[in-house]
Amino acid sequence: MTCSGNCGACTPPLVRAVNQPEEGEATLYGDVWVKPWRMPDAGMLVPQHAHTYPHQSFVARGAVRVWQDGQDMGVIRAPAAVRVPARVKHAFEVLEADTLILCIHNAAHGEAADIHEEHHLMLEG
């Protein structure tokens, strides 16, 4: 039996969003690496992941809910920066359509956006 998600006793299965995040062109200048991500729809999730080095995620447009190491850090509305310490798992829920997030890393470490740990969503369909 498959859960309908309507009873309130369980979490409904995650379904792959029709529109996926749009990855912009990364730029590197003065040892600063920046990659833009456009999130077309509210409700999109950026899965939990962690980087080897500290970095910032800048919400340039829209709003997101942020989690760090499982702790709800609250709602961040543009324009605002999210400071993410090294090896801290972080995730985003997009709250407004057409949200723009800039991932900003210090490229002097070598791999600019070196992923320390990454989680993937298990989706139906």
PDB file of N, CA and C in Angstrom:
ATOM      1  N   MET A   1       0.848  -1.185   0.000  1.00  0.00           N
ATOM      2  CA  MET A   1       0.000   0.000   0.000  1.00  0.00           C
ATOM      3  C   MET A   1       0.890   1.243   0.000  1.00  0.00           C
ATOM      4  N   THR A   2       0.572   2.193  -0.829  1.00  0.00           N
ATOM      5  CA  THR A   2       1.320   3.435  -0.922  1.00  0.00           C
ATOM      6  C   THR A   2       0.594   4.523  -0.150  1.00  0.00           C
ATOM      7  N   CYS A   3       1.344   5.297   0.609  1.00  0.00           N
ATOM      8  CA  CYS A   3       0.761   6.391   1.388  1.00  0.00           C
ATOM      9  C   CYS A   3       0.335   7.522   0.461  1.00  0.00           C
ATOM     10  N   SER A   4      -0.841   8.060   0.713  1.00  0.00           N
ATOM     11  CA  SER A   4      -1.328   9.194  -0.076  1.00  0.00           C
ATOM     12  C   SER A   4      -0.768  10.508   0.441  1.00  0.00           C
ATOM     13  N   GLY A   5      -0.256  10.485   1.689  1.00  0.00           N
ATOM     14  CA  GLY A   5       0.253  11.705   2.291  1.00  0.00           C
ATOM     15  C   GLY A   5      -0.829  12.589   2.876  1.00  0.00           C
ATOM     16  N   ASN A   6      -2.076  12.133   2.845  1.00  0.00           N
ATOM     17  CA  ASN A   6      -3.195  12.956   3.311  1.00  0.00           C
ATOM     18  C   ASN A   6      -3.608  12.680   4.748  1.00  0.00           C
ATOM     19  N   CYS A   7      -3.086  11.628   5.363  1.00  0.00           N
ATOM     20  CA  CYS A   7      -3.554  11.250   6.698  1.00  0.00           C
ATOM     21  C   CYS A   7      -2.895  12.065   7.809  1.00  0.00           C
ATOM     22  N   GLY A   8      -1.762  12.671   7.528  1.00  0.00           N
ATOM     23  CA  GLY A   8      -1.059  13.438   8.541  1.00  0.00           C
ATOM     24  C   GLY A   8      -0.158  12.598   9.417  1.00  0.00           C
ATOM     25  N   ALA A   9      -0.183  11.277   9.257  1.00  0.00           N
ATOM     26  CA  ALA A   9       0.634  10.387  10.084  1.00  0.00           C
ATOM     27  C   ALA A   9       1.986  10.084   9.446  1.00  0.00           C
ATOM     28  N   CYS A  10       2.175  10.492   8.227  1.00  0.00           N
ATOM     29  CA  CYS A  10       3.441  10.193   7.553  1.00  0.00           C
ATOM     30  C   CYS A  10       3.812  11.352   6.637  1.00  0.00           C
ATOM     31  N   THR A  11       5.013  11.281   6.107  1.00  0.00           N
ATOM     32  CA  THR A  11       5.486  12.286   5.169  1.00  0.00           C
ATOM     33  C   THR A  11       5.188  11.808   3.758  1.00  0.00           C
ATOM     34  N   PRO A  12       4.535  12.613   2.941  1.00  0.00           N
ATOM     35  CA  PRO A  12       4.269  12.168   1.574  1.00  0.00           C
ATOM     36  C   PRO A  12       5.581  12.008   0.810  1.00  0.00           C
ATOM     37  N   PRO A  13       5.601  11.137  -0.192  1.00  0.00           N
ATOM     38  CA  PRO A  13       6.831  10.941  -0.953  1.00  0.00           C
ATOM     39  C   PRO A  13       7.215  12.215  -1.697  1.00  0.00           C
ATOM     40  N   LEU A  14       8.514  12.447  -1.828  1.00  0.00           N
ATOM     41  CA  LEU A  14       8.992  13.586  -2.592  1.00  0.00           C
ATOM     42  C   LEU A  14       8.893  13.257  -4.072  1.00  0.00           C
ATOM     43  N   VAL A  15       8.506  14.221  -4.849  1.00  0.00           N
ATOM     44  CA  VAL A  15       8.379  14.047  -6.292  1.00  0.00           C
ATOM     45  C   VAL A  15       9.295  15.061  -6.961  1.00  0.00           C
ATOM     46  N   ARG A  16      10.000  14.614  -8.007  1.00  0.00           N
ATOM     47  CA  ARG A  16      10.910  15.498  -8.724  1.00  0.00           C
ATOM     48  C   ARG A  16      10.130  16.685  -9.294  1.00  0.00           C
ATOM     49  N   ALA A  17      10.612  17.885  -9.012  1.00  0.00           N
ATOM     50  CA  ALA A  17       9.967  19.099  -9.509  1.00  0.00           C
ATOM     51  C   ALA A  17      10.059  19.157 -11.029  1.00  0.00           C
ATOM     52  N   VAL A  18       9.003  19.646 -11.655  1.00  0.00           N
ATOM     53  CA  VAL A  18       8.998  19.790 -13.111  1.00  0.00           C
ATOM     54  C   VAL A  18      10.136  20.712 -13.533  1.00  0.00           C
ATOM     55  N   ASN A  19      10.247  21.857 -12.874  1.00  0.00           N
ATOM     56  CA  ASN A  19      11.336  22.798 -13.145  1.00  0.00           C
ATOM     57  C   ASN A  19      12.462  22.539 -12.158  1.00  0.00           C
ATOM     58  N   GLN A  20      13.660  22.392 -12.655  1.00  0.00           N
ATOM     59  CA  GLN A  20      14.826  22.153 -11.818  1.00  0.00           C
ATOM     60  C   GLN A  20      15.616  23.451 -11.652  1.00  0.00           C
ATOM     61  N   PRO A  21      16.464  23.524 -10.609  1.00  0.00           N
ATOM     62  CA  PRO A  21      17.303  24.716 -10.451  1.00  0.00           C
ATOM     63  C   PRO A  21      18.110  24.972 -11.721  1.00  0.00           C
ATOM     64  N   GLU A  22      18.257  26.235 -12.058  1.00  0.00           N
ATOM     65  CA  GLU A  22      19.025  26.625 -13.240  1.00  0.00           C
ATOM     66  C   GLU A  22      20.397  27.095 -12.798  1.00  0.00           C
ATOM     67  N   GLU A  23      21.404  26.371 -13.239  1.00  0.00           N
ATOM     68  CA  GLU A  23      22.788  26.648 -12.869  1.00  0.00           C
ATOM     69  C   GLU A  23      23.354  27.690 -13.822  1.00  0.00           C
ATOM     70  N   GLY A  24      23.761  28.839 -13.273  1.00  0.00           N
ATOM     71  CA  GLY A  24      24.372  29.875 -14.103  1.00  0.00           C
ATOM     72  C   GLY A  24      25.851  29.604 -14.299  1.00  0.00           C
ATOM     73  N   GLU A  25      26.482  30.449 -15.070  1.00  0.00           N
ATOM     74  CA  GLU A  25      27.910  30.296 -15.349  1.00  0.00           C
ATOM     75  C   GLU A  25      28.732  30.762 -14.149  1.00  0.00           C
ATOM     76  N   ALA A  26      29.634  29.903 -13.698  1.00  0.00           N
ATOM     77  CA  ALA A  26      30.520  30.254 -12.585  1.00  0.00           C
ATOM     78  C   ALA A  26      31.583  31.231 -13.073  1.00  0.00           C
ATOM     79  N   THR A  27      31.955  32.147 -12.188  1.00  0.00           N
ATOM     80  CA  THR A  27      33.033  33.083 -12.507  1.00  0.00           C
ATOM     81  C   THR A  27      34.103  32.995 -11.434  1.00  0.00           C
ATOM     82  N   LEU A  28      35.323  33.285 -11.826  1.00  0.00           N
ATOM     83  CA  LEU A  28      36.458  33.293 -10.905  1.00  0.00           C
ATOM     84  C   LEU A  28      37.224  34.580 -11.138  1.00  0.00           C
ATOM     85  N   TYR A  29      37.367  35.366 -10.075  1.00  0.00           N
ATOM     86  CA  TYR A  29      38.118  36.610 -10.177  1.00  0.00           C
ATOM     87  C   TYR A  29      38.666  36.951  -8.800  1.00  0.00           C
ATOM     88  N   GLY A  30      39.953  37.264  -8.734  1.00  0.00           N
ATOM     89  CA  GLY A  30      40.577  37.648  -7.462  1.00  0.00           C
ATOM     90  C   GLY A  30      40.431  36.585  -6.392  1.00  0.00           C
ATOM     91  N   ASP A  31      40.559  35.323  -6.777  1.00  0.00           N
ATOM     92  CA  ASP A  31      40.422  34.179  -5.865  1.00  0.00           C
ATOM     93  C   ASP A  31      39.028  34.048  -5.252  1.00  0.00           C
ATOM     94  N   VAL A  32      38.042  34.677  -5.867  1.00  0.00           N
ATOM     95  CA  VAL A  32      36.654  34.527  -5.420  1.00  0.00           C
ATOM     96  C   VAL A  32      35.884  33.811  -6.528  1.00  0.00           C
ATOM     97  N   TRP A  33      35.305  32.669  -6.162  1.00  0.00           N
ATOM     98  CA  TRP A  33      34.527  31.854  -7.099  1.00  0.00           C
ATOM     99  C   TRP A  33      33.055  32.069  -6.791  1.00  0.00           C
ATOM    100  N   VAL A  34      32.268  32.414  -7.810  1.00  0.00           N
ATOM    101  CA  VAL A  34      30.841  32.682  -7.630  1.00  0.00           C
ATOM    102  C   VAL A  34      30.048  31.876  -8.657  1.00  0.00           C
ATOM    103  N   LYS A  35      29.029  31.174  -8.177  1.00  0.00           N
ATOM    104  CA  LYS A  35      28.142  30.434  -9.078  1.00  0.00           C
ATOM    105  C   LYS A  35      26.700  30.806  -8.742  1.00  0.00           C
ATOM    106  N   PRO A  36      25.960  31.326  -9.732  1.00  0.00           N
ATOM    107  CA  PRO A  36      24.545  31.650  -9.503  1.00  0.00           C
ATOM    108  C   PRO A  36      23.643  30.436  -9.728  1.00  0.00           C
ATOM    109  N   TRP A  37      22.607  30.337  -8.903  1.00  0.00           N
ATOM    110  CA  TRP A  37      21.567  29.308  -9.039  1.00  0.00           C
ATOM    111  C   TRP A  37      20.222  30.006  -9.006  1.00  0.00           C
ATOM    112  N   ARG A  38      19.442  29.842 -10.075  1.00  0.00           N
ATOM    113  CA  ARG A  38      18.082  30.390 -10.120  1.00  0.00           C
ATOM    114  C   ARG A  38      17.111  29.266  -9.800  1.00  0.00           C
ATOM    115  N   MET A  39      16.241  29.515  -8.839  1.00  0.00           N
ATOM    116  CA  MET A  39      15.228  28.551  -8.421  1.00  0.00           C
ATOM    117  C   MET A  39      13.880  29.044  -8.933  1.00  0.00           C
ATOM    118  N   PRO A  40      13.359  28.434 -10.019  1.00  0.00           N
ATOM    119  CA  PRO A  40      12.152  28.966 -10.641  1.00  0.00           C
ATOM    120  C   PRO A  40      10.884  28.876  -9.795  1.00  0.00           C
ATOM    121  N   ASP A  41      10.793  27.871  -8.919  1.00  0.00           N
ATOM    122  CA  ASP A  41       9.531  27.643  -8.208  1.00  0.00           C
ATOM    123  C   ASP A  41       9.699  27.638  -6.693  1.00  0.00           C
ATOM    124  N   ALA A  42       8.700  28.156  -5.991  1.00  0.00           N
ATOM    125  CA  ALA A  42       8.643  28.008  -4.534  1.00  0.00           C
ATOM    126  C   ALA A  42       8.453  26.527  -4.221  1.00  0.00           C
ATOM    127  N   GLY A  43       8.979  26.096  -3.086  1.00  0.00           N
ATOM    128  CA  GLY A  43       8.842  24.705  -2.669  1.00  0.00           C
ATOM    129  C   GLY A  43      10.003  23.816  -3.082  1.00  0.00           C
ATOM    130  N   MET A  44      10.898  24.329  -3.910  1.00  0.00           N
ATOM    131  CA  MET A  44      12.054  23.535  -4.335  1.00  0.00           C
ATOM    132  C   MET A  44      12.986  23.326  -3.143  1.00  0.00           C
ATOM    133  N   LEU A  45      13.681  22.202  -3.131  1.00  0.00           N
ATOM    134  CA  LEU A  45      14.638  21.892  -2.070  1.00  0.00           C
ATOM    135  C   LEU A  45      16.038  21.780  -2.645  1.00  0.00           C
ATOM    136  N   VAL A  46      16.998  22.400  -1.985  1.00  0.00           N
ATOM    137  CA  VAL A  46      18.411  22.191  -2.292  1.00  0.00           C
ATOM    138  C   VAL A  46      18.884  21.194  -1.251  1.00  0.00           C
ATOM    139  N   PRO A  47      19.215  19.953  -1.666  1.00  0.00           N
ATOM    140  CA  PRO A  47      19.548  18.908  -0.697  1.00  0.00           C
ATOM    141  C   PRO A  47      20.723  19.280   0.202  1.00  0.00           C
ATOM    142  N   GLN A  48      20.724  18.675   1.367  1.00  0.00           N
ATOM    143  CA  GLN A  48      21.769  18.899   2.356  1.00  0.00           C
ATOM    144  C   GLN A  48      23.130  18.506   1.795  1.00  0.00           C
ATOM    145  N   HIS A  49      24.108  19.366   2.026  1.00  0.00           N
ATOM    146  CA  HIS A  49      25.475  19.098   1.601  1.00  0.00           C
ATOM    147  C   HIS A  49      26.417  19.920   2.475  1.00  0.00           C
ATOM    148  N   ALA A  50      27.701  19.607   2.420  1.00  0.00           N
ATOM    149  CA  ALA A  50      28.704  20.331   3.201  1.00  0.00           C
ATOM    150  C   ALA A  50      29.944  20.528   2.340  1.00  0.00           C
ATOM    151  N   HIS A  51      30.610  21.647   2.533  1.00  0.00           N
ATOM    152  CA  HIS A  51      31.845  21.943   1.810  1.00  0.00           C
ATOM    153  C   HIS A  51      33.031  21.835   2.764  1.00  0.00           C
ATOM    154  N   THR A  52      34.192  21.580   2.207  1.00  0.00           N
ATOM    155  CA  THR A  52      35.409  21.430   3.005  1.00  0.00           C
ATOM    156  C   THR A  52      35.806  22.742   3.669  1.00  0.00           C
ATOM    157  N   TYR A  53      35.536  23.856   3.004  1.00  0.00           N
ATOM    158  CA  TYR A  53      35.946  25.166   3.513  1.00  0.00           C
ATOM    159  C   TYR A  53      34.720  26.044   3.789  1.00  0.00           C
ATOM    160  N   PRO A  54      34.863  27.063   4.653  1.00  0.00           N
ATOM    161  CA  PRO A  54      33.744  27.968   4.899  1.00  0.00           C
ATOM    162  C   PRO A  54      33.417  28.761   3.631  1.00  0.00           C
ATOM    163  N   HIS A  55      32.173  29.159   3.503  1.00  0.00           N
ATOM    164  CA  HIS A  55      31.761  29.953   2.347  1.00  0.00           C
ATOM    165  C   HIS A  55      30.499  30.730   2.703  1.00  0.00           C
ATOM    166  N   GLN A  56      30.026  31.493   1.731  1.00  0.00           N
ATOM    167  CA  GLN A  56      28.772  32.218   1.891  1.00  0.00           C
ATOM    168  C   GLN A  56      27.833  31.870   0.749  1.00  0.00           C
ATOM    169  N   SER A  57      26.565  31.842   1.048  1.00  0.00           N
ATOM    170  CA  SER A  57      25.524  31.759   0.028  1.00  0.00           C
ATOM    171  C   SER A  57      24.757  33.071   0.133  1.00  0.00           C
ATOM    172  N   PHE A  58      24.702  33.799  -0.968  1.00  0.00           N
ATOM    173  CA  PHE A  58      24.052  35.103  -0.954  1.00  0.00           C
ATOM    174  C   PHE A  58      22.703  35.004  -1.653  1.00  0.00           C
ATOM    175  N   VAL A  59      21.646  35.295  -0.918  1.00  0.00           N
ATOM    176  CA  VAL A  59      20.302  35.304  -1.494  1.00  0.00           C
ATOM    177  C   VAL A  59      20.125  36.679  -2.141  1.00  0.00           C
ATOM    178  N   ALA A  60      20.237  36.699  -3.471  1.00  0.00           N
ATOM    179  CA  ALA A  60      20.193  37.958  -4.216  1.00  0.00           C
ATOM    180  C   ALA A  60      18.765  38.383  -4.559  1.00  0.00           C
ATOM    181  N   ARG A  61      17.864  37.389  -4.659  1.00  0.00           N
ATOM    182  CA  ARG A  61      16.463  37.680  -4.971  1.00  0.00           C
ATOM    183  C   ARG A  61      15.615  36.571  -4.367  1.00  0.00           C
ATOM    184  N   GLY A  62      14.477  36.926  -3.797  1.00  0.00           N
ATOM    185  CA  GLY A  62      13.571  35.920  -3.250  1.00  0.00           C
ATOM    186  C   GLY A  62      13.814  35.632  -1.783  1.00  0.00           C
ATOM    187  N   ALA A  63      13.457  34.398  -1.377  1.00  0.00           N
ATOM    188  CA  ALA A  63      13.574  34.009   0.030  1.00  0.00           C
ATOM    189  C   ALA A  63      13.739  32.501   0.141  1.00  0.00           C
ATOM    190  N   VAL A  64      14.467  32.081   1.177  1.00  0.00           N
ATOM    191  CA  VAL A  64      14.689  30.659   1.448  1.00  0.00           C
ATOM    192  C   VAL A  64      14.613  30.408   2.947  1.00  0.00           C
ATOM    193  N   ARG A  65      14.304  29.178   3.314  1.00  0.00           N
ATOM    194  CA  ARG A  65      14.474  28.715   4.689  1.00  0.00           C
ATOM    195  C   ARG A  65      15.781  27.939   4.684  1.00  0.00           C
ATOM    196  N   VAL A  66      16.609  28.147   5.703  1.00  0.00           N
ATOM    197  CA  VAL A  66      17.944  27.545   5.754  1.00  0.00           C
ATOM    198  C   VAL A  66      18.056  26.615   6.953  1.00  0.00           C
ATOM    199  N   TRP A  67      18.694  25.461   6.741  1.00  0.00           N
ATOM    200  CA  TRP A  67      19.057  24.543   7.820  1.00  0.00           C
ATOM    201  C   TRP A  67      20.562  24.363   7.809  1.00  0.00           C
ATOM    202  N   GLN A  68      21.159  24.349   9.005  1.00  0.00           N
ATOM    203  CA  GLN A  68      22.580  24.031   9.151  1.00  0.00           C
ATOM    204  C   GLN A  68      22.695  22.954  10.218  1.00  0.00           C
ATOM    205  N   ASP A  69      23.316  21.837   9.829  1.00  0.00           N
ATOM    206  CA  ASP A  69      23.431  20.669  10.714  1.00  0.00           C
ATOM    207  C   ASP A  69      22.092  20.311  11.354  1.00  0.00           C
ATOM    208  N   GLY A  70      21.033  20.361  10.548  1.00  0.00           N
ATOM    209  CA  GLY A  70      19.703  19.966  10.999  1.00  0.00           C
ATOM    210  C   GLY A  70      18.952  21.020  11.787  1.00  0.00           C
ATOM    211  N   GLN A  71      19.595  22.129  12.104  1.00  0.00           N
ATOM    212  CA  GLN A  71      18.944  23.190  12.878  1.00  0.00           C
ATOM    213  C   GLN A  71      18.335  24.224  11.929  1.00  0.00           C
ATOM    214  N   ASP A  72      17.067  24.531  12.137  1.00  0.00           N
ATOM    215  CA  ASP A  72      16.383  25.538  11.334  1.00  0.00           C
ATOM    216  C   ASP A  72      16.958  26.907  11.688  1.00  0.00           C
ATOM    217  N   MET A  73      17.585  27.552  10.712  1.00  0.00           N
ATOM    218  CA  MET A  73      18.202  28.859  10.928  1.00  0.00           C
ATOM    219  C   MET A  73      17.241  29.998  10.591  1.00  0.00           C
ATOM    220  N   GLY A  74      16.046  29.637  10.122  1.00  0.00           N
ATOM    221  CA  GLY A  74      15.038  30.644   9.835  1.00  0.00           C
ATOM    222  C   GLY A  74      14.960  31.010   8.366  1.00  0.00           C
ATOM    223  N   VAL A  75      14.164  32.030   8.115  1.00  0.00           N
ATOM    224  CA  VAL A  75      13.923  32.508   6.756  1.00  0.00           C
ATOM    225  C   VAL A  75      14.911  33.625   6.442  1.00  0.00           C
ATOM    226  N   ILE A  76      15.518  33.527   5.278  1.00  0.00           N
ATOM    227  CA  ILE A  76      16.453  34.546   4.799  1.00  0.00           C
ATOM    228  C   ILE A  76      15.832  35.178   3.559  1.00  0.00           C
ATOM    229  N   ARG A  77      15.660  36.489   3.599  1.00  0.00           N
ATOM    230  CA  ARG A  77      15.074  37.223   2.470  1.00  0.00           C
ATOM    231  C   ARG A  77      16.138  38.111   1.829  1.00  0.00           C
ATOM    232  N   ALA A  78      16.095  38.191   0.511  1.00  0.00           N
ATOM    233  CA  ALA A  78      17.052  39.008  -0.235  1.00  0.00           C
ATOM    234  C   ALA A  78      16.891  40.483   0.122  1.00  0.00           C
ATOM    235  N   PRO A  79      17.990  41.185   0.073  1.00  0.00           N
ATOM    236  CA  PRO A  79      19.363  40.732  -0.118  1.00  0.00           C
ATOM    237  C   PRO A  79      19.996  40.367   1.222  1.00  0.00           C
ATOM    238  N   ALA A  80      20.561  39.176   1.307  1.00  0.00           N
ATOM    239  CA  ALA A  80      21.171  38.743   2.568  1.00  0.00           C
ATOM    240  C   ALA A  80      22.144  37.596   2.326  1.00  0.00           C
ATOM    241  N   ALA A  81      23.178  37.551   3.161  1.00  0.00           N
ATOM    242  CA  ALA A  81      24.184  36.494   3.074  1.00  0.00           C
ATOM    243  C   ALA A  81      23.947  35.453   4.159  1.00  0.00           C
ATOM    244  N   VAL A  82      24.237  34.207   3.815  1.00  0.00           N
ATOM    245  CA  VAL A  82      24.198  33.094   4.764  1.00  0.00           C
ATOM    246  C   VAL A  82      25.635  32.617   4.924  1.00  0.00           C
ATOM    247  N   ARG A  83      26.177  32.729   6.122  1.00  0.00           N
ATOM    248  CA  ARG A  83      27.545  32.255   6.379  1.00  0.00           C
ATOM    249  C   ARG A  83      27.478  30.778   6.746  1.00  0.00           C
ATOM    250  N   VAL A  84      28.284  29.972   6.047  1.00  0.00           N
ATOM    251  CA  VAL A  84      28.272  28.528   6.267  1.00  0.00           C
ATOM    252  C   VAL A  84      29.678  28.083   6.673  1.00  0.00           C
ATOM    253  N   PRO A  85      29.868  27.654   7.921  1.00  0.00           N
ATOM    254  CA  PRO A  85      31.179  27.177   8.354  1.00  0.00           C
ATOM    255  C   PRO A  85      31.608  25.915   7.592  1.00  0.00           C
ATOM    256  N   ALA A  86      32.894  25.641   7.605  1.00  0.00           N
ATOM    257  CA  ALA A  86      33.436  24.442   6.959  1.00  0.00           C
ATOM    258  C   ALA A  86      32.783  23.190   7.528  1.00  0.00           C
ATOM    259  N   ARG A  87      32.492  22.243   6.647  1.00  0.00           N
ATOM    260  CA  ARG A  87      31.965  20.920   6.983  1.00  0.00           C
ATOM    261  C   ARG A  87      30.604  20.940   7.693  1.00  0.00           C
ATOM    262  N   VAL A  88      29.908  22.055   7.638  1.00  0.00           N
ATOM    263  CA  VAL A  88      28.564  22.138   8.212  1.00  0.00           C
ATOM    264  C   VAL A  88      27.564  21.808   7.105  1.00  0.00           C
ATOM    265  N   LYS A  89      26.723  20.808   7.374  1.00  0.00           N
ATOM    266  CA  LYS A  89      25.703  20.412   6.403  1.00  0.00           C
ATOM    267  C   LYS A  89      24.642  21.507   6.341  1.00  0.00           C
ATOM    268  N   HIS A  90      24.293  21.894   5.135  1.00  0.00           N
ATOM    269  CA  HIS A  90      23.296  22.947   4.966  1.00  0.00           C
ATOM    270  C   HIS A  90      22.357  22.602   3.821  1.00  0.00           C
ATOM    271  N   ALA A  91      21.129  23.096   3.940  1.00  0.00           N
ATOM    272  CA  ALA A  91      20.089  22.844   2.942  1.00  0.00           C
ATOM    273  C   ALA A  91      19.188  24.071   2.871  1.00  0.00           C
ATOM    274  N   PHE A  92      18.501  24.202   1.737  1.00  0.00           N
ATOM    275  CA  PHE A  92      17.612  25.335   1.522  1.00  0.00           C
ATOM    276  C   PHE A  92      16.256  24.850   1.030  1.00  0.00           C
ATOM    277  N   GLU A  93      15.193  25.507   1.491  1.00  0.00           N
ATOM    278  CA  GLU A  93      13.863  25.355   0.912  1.00  0.00           C
ATOM    279  C   GLU A  93      13.509  26.700   0.292  1.00  0.00           C
ATOM    280  N   VAL A  94      13.190  26.703  -0.972  1.00  0.00           N
ATOM    281  CA  VAL A  94      12.866  27.934  -1.686  1.00  0.00           C
ATOM    282  C   VAL A  94      11.438  28.351  -1.330  1.00  0.00           C
ATOM    283  N   LEU A  95      11.278  29.592  -0.867  1.00  0.00           N
ATOM    284  CA  LEU A  95       9.973  30.084  -0.417  1.00  0.00           C
ATOM    285  C   LEU A  95       9.281  30.982  -1.431  1.00  0.00           C
ATOM    286  N   GLU A  96      10.037  31.535  -2.371  1.00  0.00           N
ATOM    287  CA  GLU A  96       9.460  32.421  -3.382  1.00  0.00           C
ATOM    288  C   GLU A  96       9.945  31.996  -4.761  1.00  0.00           C
ATOM    289  N   ALA A  97       9.041  32.033  -5.729  1.00  0.00           N
ATOM    290  CA  ALA A  97       9.423  31.731  -7.110  1.00  0.00           C
ATOM    291  C   ALA A  97      10.487  32.716  -7.581  1.00  0.00           C
ATOM    292  N   ASP A  98      11.338  32.251  -8.478  1.00  0.00           N
ATOM    293  CA  ASP A  98      12.389  33.059  -9.097  1.00  0.00           C
ATOM    294  C   ASP A  98      13.428  33.544  -8.082  1.00  0.00           C
ATOM    295  N   THR A  99      13.720  32.713  -7.095  1.00  0.00           N
ATOM    296  CA  THR A  99      14.760  33.035  -6.110  1.00  0.00           C
ATOM    297  C   THR A  99      16.131  32.847  -6.752  1.00  0.00           C
ATOM    298  N   LEU A 100      17.059  33.728  -6.436  1.00  0.00           N
ATOM    299  CA  LEU A 100      18.421  33.662  -6.961  1.00  0.00           C
ATOM    300  C   LEU A 100      19.397  33.566  -5.797  1.00  0.00           C
ATOM    301  N   ILE A 101      20.212  32.503  -5.800  1.00  0.00           N
ATOM    302  CA  ILE A 101      21.226  32.284  -4.762  1.00  0.00           C
ATOM    303  C   ILE A 101      22.591  32.284  -5.426  1.00  0.00           C
ATOM    304  N   LEU A 102      23.527  33.028  -4.862  1.00  0.00           N
ATOM    305  CA  LEU A 102      24.904  33.035  -5.344  1.00  0.00           C
ATOM    306  C   LEU A 102      25.762  32.265  -4.347  1.00  0.00           C
ATOM    307  N   CYS A 103      26.415  31.208  -4.810  1.00  0.00           N
ATOM    308  CA  CYS A 103      27.358  30.464  -3.972  1.00  0.00           C
ATOM    309  C   CYS A 103      28.710  31.144  -4.124  1.00  0.00           C
ATOM    310  N   ILE A 104      29.304  31.564  -3.007  1.00  0.00           N
ATOM    311  CA  ILE A 104      30.541  32.342  -3.033  1.00  0.00           C
ATOM    312  C   ILE A 104      31.605  31.606  -2.224  1.00  0.00           C
ATOM    313  N   HIS A 105      32.702  31.250  -2.900  1.00  0.00           N
ATOM    314  CA  HIS A 105      33.772  30.473  -2.270  1.00  0.00           C
ATOM    315  C   HIS A 105      35.124  31.142  -2.494  1.00  0.00           C
ATOM    316  N   ASN A 106      36.045  30.929  -1.556  1.00  0.00           N
ATOM    317  CA  ASN A 106      37.425  31.370  -1.683  1.00  0.00           C
ATOM    318  C   ASN A 106      38.163  30.338  -2.526  1.00  0.00           C
ATOM    319  N   ALA A 107      38.559  30.710  -3.731  1.00  0.00           N
ATOM    320  CA  ALA A 107      39.205  29.770  -4.651  1.00  0.00           C
ATOM    321  C   ALA A 107      40.668  29.526  -4.313  1.00  0.00           C
ATOM    322  N   ALA A 108      41.230  30.251  -3.366  1.00  0.00           N
ATOM    323  CA  ALA A 108      42.638  30.063  -3.009  1.00  0.00           C
ATOM    324  C   ALA A 108      42.897  28.693  -2.398  1.00  0.00           C
ATOM    325  N   HIS A 109      41.828  27.988  -1.986  1.00  0.00           N
ATOM    326  CA  HIS A 109      41.981  26.657  -1.395  1.00  0.00           C
ATOM    327  C   HIS A 109      42.226  25.580  -2.437  1.00  0.00           C
ATOM    328  N   GLY A 110      42.086  25.883  -3.693  1.00  0.00           N
ATOM    329  CA  GLY A 110      42.211  24.860  -4.738  1.00  0.00           C
ATOM    330  C   GLY A 110      40.862  24.648  -5.376  1.00  0.00           C
ATOM    331  N   GLU A 111      40.184  23.572  -5.002  1.00  0.00           N
ATOM    332  CA  GLU A 111      38.835  23.335  -5.515  1.00  0.00           C
ATOM    333  C   GLU A 111      37.892  24.338  -4.856  1.00  0.00           C
ATOM    334  N   ALA A 112      37.378  25.246  -5.631  1.00  0.00           N
ATOM    335  CA  ALA A 112      36.584  26.346  -5.080  1.00  0.00           C
ATOM    336  C   ALA A 112      35.383  25.880  -4.268  1.00  0.00           C
ATOM    337  N   ALA A 113      34.598  24.993  -4.815  1.00  0.00           N
ATOM    338  CA  ALA A 113      33.377  24.555  -4.129  1.00  0.00           C
ATOM    339  C   ALA A 113      33.503  23.096  -3.722  1.00  0.00           C
ATOM    340  N   ASP A 114      34.650  22.730  -3.215  1.00  0.00           N
ATOM    341  CA  ASP A 114      34.931  21.346  -2.829  1.00  0.00           C
ATOM    342  C   ASP A 114      33.831  20.809  -1.916  1.00  0.00           C
ATOM    343  N   ILE A 115      33.192  19.721  -2.346  1.00  0.00           N
ATOM    344  CA  ILE A 115      32.111  19.110  -1.568  1.00  0.00           C
ATOM    345  C   ILE A 115      32.708  18.131  -0.571  1.00  0.00           C
ATOM    346  N   HIS A 116      32.451  18.353   0.705  1.00  0.00           N
ATOM    347  CA  HIS A 116      32.919  17.455   1.759  1.00  0.00           C
ATOM    348  C   HIS A 116      31.955  16.287   1.925  1.00  0.00           C
ATOM    349  N   GLU A 117      30.664  16.576   1.858  1.00  0.00           N
ATOM    350  CA  GLU A 117      29.624  15.561   2.048  1.00  0.00           C
ATOM    351  C   GLU A 117      28.378  16.022   1.303  1.00  0.00           C
ATOM    352  N   GLU A 118      27.660  15.060   0.712  1.00  0.00           N
ATOM    353  CA  GLU A 118      26.482  15.422  -0.063  1.00  0.00           C
ATOM    354  C   GLU A 118      25.398  14.375   0.132  1.00  0.00           C
ATOM    355  N   HIS A 119      24.176  14.826   0.267  1.00  0.00           N
ATOM    356  CA  HIS A 119      23.026  13.942   0.401  1.00  0.00           C
ATOM    357  C   HIS A 119      22.139  14.131  -0.819  1.00  0.00           C
ATOM    358  N   HIS A 120      21.475  13.076  -1.240  1.00  0.00           N
ATOM    359  CA  HIS A 120      20.582  13.149  -2.388  1.00  0.00           C
ATOM    360  C   HIS A 120      19.170  12.782  -1.952  1.00  0.00           C
ATOM    361  N   LEU A 121      18.191  13.391  -2.577  1.00  0.00           N
ATOM    362  CA  LEU A 121      16.793  13.099  -2.279  1.00  0.00           C
ATOM    363  C   LEU A 121      16.367  11.844  -3.024  1.00  0.00           C
ATOM    364  N   MET A 122      15.625  10.985  -2.366  1.00  0.00           N
ATOM    365  CA  MET A 122      15.042   9.812  -3.007  1.00  0.00           C
ATOM    366  C   MET A 122      13.657  10.225  -3.487  1.00  0.00           C
ATOM    367  N   LEU A 123      13.468  10.211  -4.789  1.00  0.00           N
ATOM    368  CA  LEU A 123      12.238  10.732  -5.371  1.00  0.00           C
ATOM    369  C   LEU A 123      11.417   9.633  -6.010  1.00  0.00           C
ATOM    370  N   GLU A 124      10.118   9.836  -6.020  1.00  0.00           N
ATOM    371  CA  GLU A 124       9.219   8.937  -6.744  1.00  0.00           C
ATOM    372  C   GLU A 124       8.986   9.507  -8.126  1.00  0.00           C
ATOM    373  N   GLY A 125       8.776   8.624  -9.082  1.00  0.00           N
ATOM    374  CA  GLY A 125       8.393   9.059 -10.421  1.00  0.00           C
ATOM    375  C   GLY A 125       9.496   9.430 -11.306  1.00  0.00           C
TER     376      GLY A 125
END
